[in-house]
Amino acid sequence: MQQTTSPDTTIHPLALVEPGAELGVGVTVGPFCHVEAGATVGDRVELSSHVVVHRGVSVGEGCTVSSMAVLGAPPQNTKHKGGPTTLVIGRKCTIREGVTMHRGTDGSRGETTVGDNGNFLAYSHIAHDCVVGNNVTMANVATLGGHVEVGDFVTLGGLVAVHQMTRIGHHAFAGGAAIIDGDIIPYGMVMGNRARLRGLNVIGMRRSGVARADIFALRKAYKMIFDPRRSVAENIPDAERAFGQSAIVRDVLDFMQERGKRHFTVPPLREAADDDDDDD
């Protein structure tokens, strides 16, 4: 099997690119990198130094990968039997020092998927079979367990740890060192160990161009959904009747009604939901 490269590709003489690896146009492979057979590196990708790209990995065009990153190592899952699985990374991601992303497991989804324009800071980790959306930021040492689903425009602060099987809705925000063991609604803002909802990510909503009227409707619905006088399950139908005509509220309600394998992250017991101060 021949190594596939472009004339515009630069491979440092101290790098190892195995026969069977595919490199696109304008790829740079720095010293002491190792690209295994069966890996695909897209156009204009930059591998700094000491980067490992395992078989079954596809790195999208325009990504930059810093030193000591390991992409596509076998999953840390005892049920995995060594079968062929994949890691697919989207376009224009920034992958900083020591980042690790694992392939899927052969007894489950079989693929770990990372979207476009991600920003994965030093030593962050994406485990097997995760689905990570577009424009996601994971700060230093943020960690996803297996089978986690992360929506678009999510931000996870430094040292955040997410339990396996958890869903994080789009535009959610997790403060530094949060331990997340329950699903987070779209636009939710969480903090703490264990993480609890602290309101809505209003700043993120405004930056994304969400209309003021939609923000107002979601805040009202949020207070109704998480009214501590009754359970969330009892509150959801009332919120649906009152605010179901709002597309942004409908989005949150749909997420909550598509129940996953984890409980929902909720506000602290007896604390009023969304105190209207989180957007000051």
Protein backbone atom coordinates (compact mmCIF):
# COMPACT_ATOMS: atom_id res chain seq x y z
CA MET A 1 0.00 0.00 0.00
CA GLN A 2 1.39 3.37 -1.01
CA GLN A 3 1.41 6.54 1.02
CA THR A 4 -0.78 9.18 -0.67
CA THR A 5 0.57 12.73 -0.50
CA SER A 6 0.37 15.99 -2.45
CA PRO A 7 3.36 17.83 -3.92
CA ASP A 8 2.50 20.78 -1.64
CA THR A 9 2.72 18.65 1.52
CA THR A 10 5.69 19.09 3.86
CA ILE A 11 6.81 16.15 6.00
CA HIS A 12 9.65 16.72 8.44
CA PRO A 13 12.42 14.12 8.04
CA LEU A 14 11.97 13.09 11.68
CA ALA A 15 8.24 12.37 11.21
CA LEU A 16 6.79 8.94 10.40
CA VAL A 17 3.94 8.80 7.89
CA GLU A 18 3.12 5.16 7.25
CA PRO A 19 2.30 3.80 3.81
CA GLY A 20 -1.49 3.80 3.50
CA ALA A 21 -1.96 7.17 5.18
CA GLU A 22 -3.67 9.81 3.04
CA LEU A 23 -2.50 13.43 3.23
CA GLY A 24 -4.27 16.27 1.44
CA VAL A 25 -2.94 19.38 -0.27
CA GLY A 26 -0.76 21.74 1.74
CA VAL A 27 -0.45 19.51 4.82
CA THR A 28 2.42 20.18 7.24
CA VAL A 29 3.70 17.29 9.37
CA GLY A 30 6.17 18.38 12.03
CA PRO A 31 9.01 16.48 13.69
CA PHE A 32 8.30 13.28 15.63
CA CYS A 33 4.71 13.07 14.40
CA HIS A 34 3.30 9.61 13.64
CA VAL A 35 0.49 9.22 11.11
CA GLU A 36 -0.66 5.61 10.88
CA ALA A 37 -1.82 3.71 7.82
CA GLY A 38 -5.57 4.17 7.41
CA ALA A 39 -5.55 7.76 8.69
CA THR A 40 -6.79 10.61 6.49
CA VAL A 41 -5.46 14.14 6.99
CA GLY A 42 -7.33 16.83 5.05
CA ASP A 43 -6.07 19.80 3.07
CA ARG A 44 -4.01 22.45 4.85
CA VAL A 45 -3.91 20.60 8.17
CA GLU A 46 -0.96 21.49 10.40
CA LEU A 47 0.46 18.83 12.72
CA SER A 48 2.92 20.58 15.01
CA SER A 49 5.28 18.03 16.59
CA HIS A 50 4.89 14.77 18.50
CA VAL A 51 1.30 14.42 17.22
CA VAL A 52 -0.13 10.90 16.80
CA VAL A 53 -2.93 10.29 14.29
CA HIS A 54 -4.09 6.67 14.53
CA ARG A 55 -5.74 4.53 11.89
CA GLY A 56 -9.43 5.14 11.36
CA VAL A 57 -9.09 8.90 11.93
CA SER A 58 -10.21 11.58 9.50
CA VAL A 59 -8.97 15.11 10.24
CA GLY A 60 -10.91 17.81 8.40
CA GLU A 61 -9.30 20.49 6.28
CA GLY A 62 -7.74 23.50 7.92
CA CYS A 63 -7.32 21.98 11.39
CA THR A 64 -4.29 22.86 13.50
CA VAL A 65 -3.04 20.24 15.93
CA SER A 66 -0.50 21.08 18.63
CA SER A 67 2.21 19.00 20.24
CA MET A 68 1.44 15.77 22.12
CA ALA A 69 -2.15 15.52 20.86
CA VAL A 70 -3.27 11.92 20.30
CA LEU A 71 -6.16 11.45 17.88
CA GLY A 72 -7.98 8.15 17.50
CA ALA A 73 -6.46 5.99 20.20
CA PRO A 74 -8.50 2.86 21.04
CA PRO A 75 -11.48 3.48 23.33
CA GLN A 76 -11.05 3.08 27.06
CA ASN A 77 -13.90 0.59 27.22
CA THR A 78 -13.57 -3.05 28.28
CA LYS A 79 -16.40 -4.07 25.91
CA HIS A 80 -14.40 -2.99 22.87
CA LYS A 81 -12.95 -6.06 21.14
CA GLY A 82 -10.50 -4.31 18.85
CA GLY A 83 -12.68 -4.10 15.76
CA PRO A 84 -12.34 -1.29 13.22
CA THR A 85 -13.89 1.98 14.44
CA THR A 86 -13.43 5.62 13.56
CA LEU A 87 -12.91 9.19 14.73
CA VAL A 88 -14.16 11.91 12.38
CA ILE A 89 -13.01 15.50 13.04
CA GLY A 90 -14.58 18.39 11.14
CA ARG A 91 -13.06 21.41 9.44
CA LYS A 92 -11.01 24.24 10.96
CA CYS A 93 -10.71 22.87 14.47
CA THR A 94 -8.01 24.08 16.83
CA ILE A 95 -6.65 21.15 18.83
CA ARG A 96 -4.14 22.26 21.44
CA GLU A 97 -1.39 20.55 23.44
CA GLY A 98 -2.05 17.11 24.85
CA VAL A 99 -5.64 16.81 23.62
CA THR A 100 -6.96 13.25 23.34
CA MET A 101 -9.87 12.05 21.21
CA HIS A 102 -10.73 8.34 21.06
CA ARG A 103 -12.33 6.21 18.37
CA GLY A 104 -15.76 4.64 18.85
CA THR A 105 -16.39 1.16 20.20
CA ASP A 106 -17.12 -1.82 17.98
CA GLY A 107 -20.08 -2.91 20.09
CA SER A 108 -21.83 0.47 19.99
CA ARG A 109 -21.93 3.51 17.71
CA GLY A 110 -18.53 2.71 16.27
CA GLU A 111 -17.62 6.34 15.63
CA THR A 112 -16.67 9.43 17.59
CA THR A 113 -17.74 12.57 15.74
CA VAL A 114 -16.43 16.12 16.21
CA GLY A 115 -17.94 19.02 14.26
CA ASP A 116 -16.45 22.05 12.53
CA ASN A 117 -14.73 25.08 14.09
CA GLY A 118 -14.13 23.47 17.46
CA ASN A 119 -11.67 24.94 19.95
CA PHE A 120 -10.22 22.21 22.15
CA LEU A 121 -7.75 23.61 24.65
CA ALA A 122 -4.84 21.86 26.32
CA TYR A 123 -5.43 18.36 27.74
CA SER A 124 -9.15 18.30 26.99
CA HIS A 125 -10.52 14.82 26.27
CA ILE A 126 -13.30 13.38 24.08
CA ALA A 127 -14.09 9.75 24.84
CA HIS A 128 -15.45 6.97 22.64
CA ASP A 129 -18.73 7.29 20.71
CA CYS A 130 -19.26 10.97 21.59
CA VAL A 131 -21.05 13.33 19.20
CA VAL A 132 -19.71 16.89 19.47
CA GLY A 133 -21.35 19.66 17.45
CA ASN A 134 -20.00 22.69 15.61
CA ASN A 135 -18.35 25.71 17.25
CA VAL A 136 -17.81 23.92 20.55
CA THR A 137 -15.20 25.20 23.02
CA MET A 138 -13.68 22.89 25.61
CA ALA A 139 -11.27 24.71 27.91
CA ASN A 140 -8.21 23.14 29.53
CA VAL A 141 -8.71 19.63 30.93
CA ALA A 142 -12.45 19.57 30.14
CA THR A 143 -13.42 15.91 29.79
CA LEU A 144 -16.27 14.03 28.12
CA GLY A 145 -17.13 10.48 29.15
CA GLY A 146 -18.28 7.95 26.56
CA HIS A 147 -21.45 8.45 24.49
CA VAL A 148 -21.84 12.13 25.45
CA GLU A 149 -23.76 14.36 23.03
CA VAL A 150 -22.76 18.03 22.85
CA GLY A 151 -24.77 20.52 20.80
CA ASP A 152 -23.53 23.42 18.69
CA PHE A 153 -21.98 26.52 20.33
CA VAL A 154 -21.51 24.84 23.71
CA THR A 155 -18.78 26.14 26.02
CA LEU A 156 -17.27 23.92 28.72
CA GLY A 157 -14.96 25.69 31.17
CA GLY A 158 -11.67 24.39 32.48
CA LEU A 159 -11.70 21.13 34.47
CA VAL A 160 -15.34 20.39 33.58
CA ALA A 161 -16.12 16.67 33.72
CA VAL A 162 -19.16 15.24 31.92
CA HIS A 163 -20.59 11.86 32.92
CA GLN A 164 -21.03 9.28 30.17
CA MET A 165 -24.37 9.15 28.32
CA THR A 166 -25.09 12.83 29.14
CA ARG A 167 -26.66 15.24 26.63
CA ILE A 168 -25.69 18.90 26.55
CA GLY A 169 -28.04 21.12 24.57
CA HIS A 170 -26.83 23.69 22.08
CA HIS A 171 -25.61 27.07 23.37
CA ALA A 172 -25.22 25.72 26.90
CA PHE A 173 -22.45 27.01 29.17
CA ALA A 174 -20.68 25.15 31.99
CA GLY A 175 -18.55 27.09 34.46
CA GLY A 176 -15.08 25.92 35.42
CA ALA A 177 -14.72 22.68 37.43
CA ALA A 178 -18.41 21.77 37.04
CA ILE A 179 -19.16 18.08 37.44
CA ILE A 180 -22.03 17.32 35.08
CA ASP A 181 -24.01 14.13 35.66
CA GLY A 182 -27.34 15.15 34.12
CA ASP A 183 -28.64 16.45 30.80
CA ILE A 184 -28.43 20.22 30.30
CA ILE A 185 -31.18 22.00 28.39
CA PRO A 186 -30.32 24.15 25.37
CA TYR A 187 -29.14 27.60 26.49
CA GLY A 188 -28.72 26.36 30.05
CA MET A 189 -25.95 27.71 32.28
CA VAL A 190 -24.59 25.37 34.96
CA MET A 191 -22.00 25.54 37.71
CA GLY A 192 -20.86 23.49 40.66
CA ASN A 193 -20.11 19.97 41.86
CA ARG A 194 -22.60 18.43 41.21
CA ALA A 195 -23.61 20.91 38.56
CA ARG A 196 -26.88 22.79 38.97
CA LEU A 197 -28.67 25.17 36.63
CA ARG A 198 -27.94 28.80 37.45
CA GLY A 199 -30.11 30.38 34.81
CA LEU A 200 -29.88 30.79 31.05
CA ASN A 201 -26.86 31.62 28.93
CA VAL A 202 -28.37 34.97 27.96
CA ILE A 203 -25.05 36.46 26.87
CA GLY A 204 -24.53 33.54 24.51
CA MET A 205 -28.07 33.93 23.20
CA ARG A 206 -27.52 37.61 22.46
CA ARG A 207 -24.21 36.91 20.73
CA SER A 208 -26.00 34.36 18.56
CA GLY A 209 -28.60 36.91 17.52
CA VAL A 210 -31.58 35.54 19.46
CA ALA A 211 -34.34 38.16 19.46
CA ARG A 212 -35.16 39.94 22.70
CA ALA A 213 -38.76 38.70 22.57
CA ASP A 214 -37.55 35.09 22.30
CA ILE A 215 -35.21 35.54 25.25
CA PHE A 216 -38.09 36.98 27.28
CA ALA A 217 -40.36 34.04 26.37
CA LEU A 218 -37.71 31.46 27.25
CA ARG A 219 -37.01 33.08 30.60
CA LYS A 220 -40.69 32.94 31.50
CA ALA A 221 -40.94 29.34 30.35
CA TYR A 222 -37.77 28.45 32.26
CA LYS A 223 -39.26 29.73 35.50
CA MET A 224 -42.40 27.72 34.90
CA ILE A 225 -40.56 24.51 33.97
CA PHE A 226 -38.34 24.63 37.06
CA ASP A 227 -40.90 25.96 39.53
CA PRO A 228 -39.83 24.07 42.69
CA ARG A 229 -43.36 23.71 43.97
CA ARG A 230 -43.98 20.86 41.53
CA SER A 231 -41.90 18.33 39.60
CA VAL A 232 -40.44 19.16 36.20
CA ALA A 233 -42.65 16.49 34.63
CA GLU A 234 -45.73 18.22 36.01
CA ASN A 235 -44.55 21.67 34.92
CA ILE A 236 -43.68 20.85 31.30
CA PRO A 237 -47.31 20.58 30.04
CA ASP A 238 -48.13 23.97 31.56
CA ALA A 239 -45.09 25.56 29.91
CA GLU A 240 -46.07 23.96 26.62
CA ARG A 241 -49.58 25.40 26.80
CA ALA A 242 -48.33 28.85 27.78
CA PHE A 243 -45.27 29.20 25.55
CA GLY A 244 -45.36 26.34 23.03
CA GLN A 245 -45.97 28.78 20.18
CA SER A 246 -42.44 30.19 20.66
CA ALA A 247 -39.90 28.35 18.50
CA ILE A 248 -37.11 28.77 21.03
CA VAL A 249 -39.24 27.44 23.88
CA ARG A 250 -40.44 24.62 21.65
CA ASP A 251 -36.78 23.74 21.03
CA VAL A 252 -36.12 23.38 24.76
CA LEU A 253 -39.31 21.42 25.37
CA ASP A 254 -38.52 19.03 22.52
CA PHE A 255 -35.09 18.40 24.04
CA MET A 256 -36.65 17.63 27.40
CA GLN A 257 -39.27 15.32 25.92
CA GLU A 258 -36.63 13.34 24.01
CA ARG A 259 -35.50 11.77 27.23
CA GLY A 260 -31.98 10.39 27.30
CA LYS A 261 -30.39 8.01 29.79
CA ARG A 262 -29.55 10.65 32.40
CA HIS A 263 -31.68 12.83 34.64
CA PHE A 264 -31.95 16.57 33.96
CA THR A 265 -29.69 19.11 35.60
CA VAL A 266 -32.00 21.38 37.59
CA PRO A 267 -31.64 24.49 39.78
CA PRO A 268 -30.61 24.04 43.43
CA LEU A 269 -33.39 22.88 45.72
CA ARG A 270 -35.73 25.71 46.78
CA GLU A 271 -33.80 28.26 44.71
CA ALA A 272 -35.76 30.45 42.32
CA ALA A 273 -34.98 29.64 38.71
CA ASP A 274 -33.32 32.35 36.59
CA ASP A 275 -33.08 35.36 38.87
CA ASP A 276 -32.78 37.81 35.95
CA ASP A 277 -29.23 38.80 36.94
CA ASP A 278 -27.24 36.48 34.69
CA ASP A 279 -27.24 38.88 31.74
CA ASP A 280 -26.01 42.00 33.54
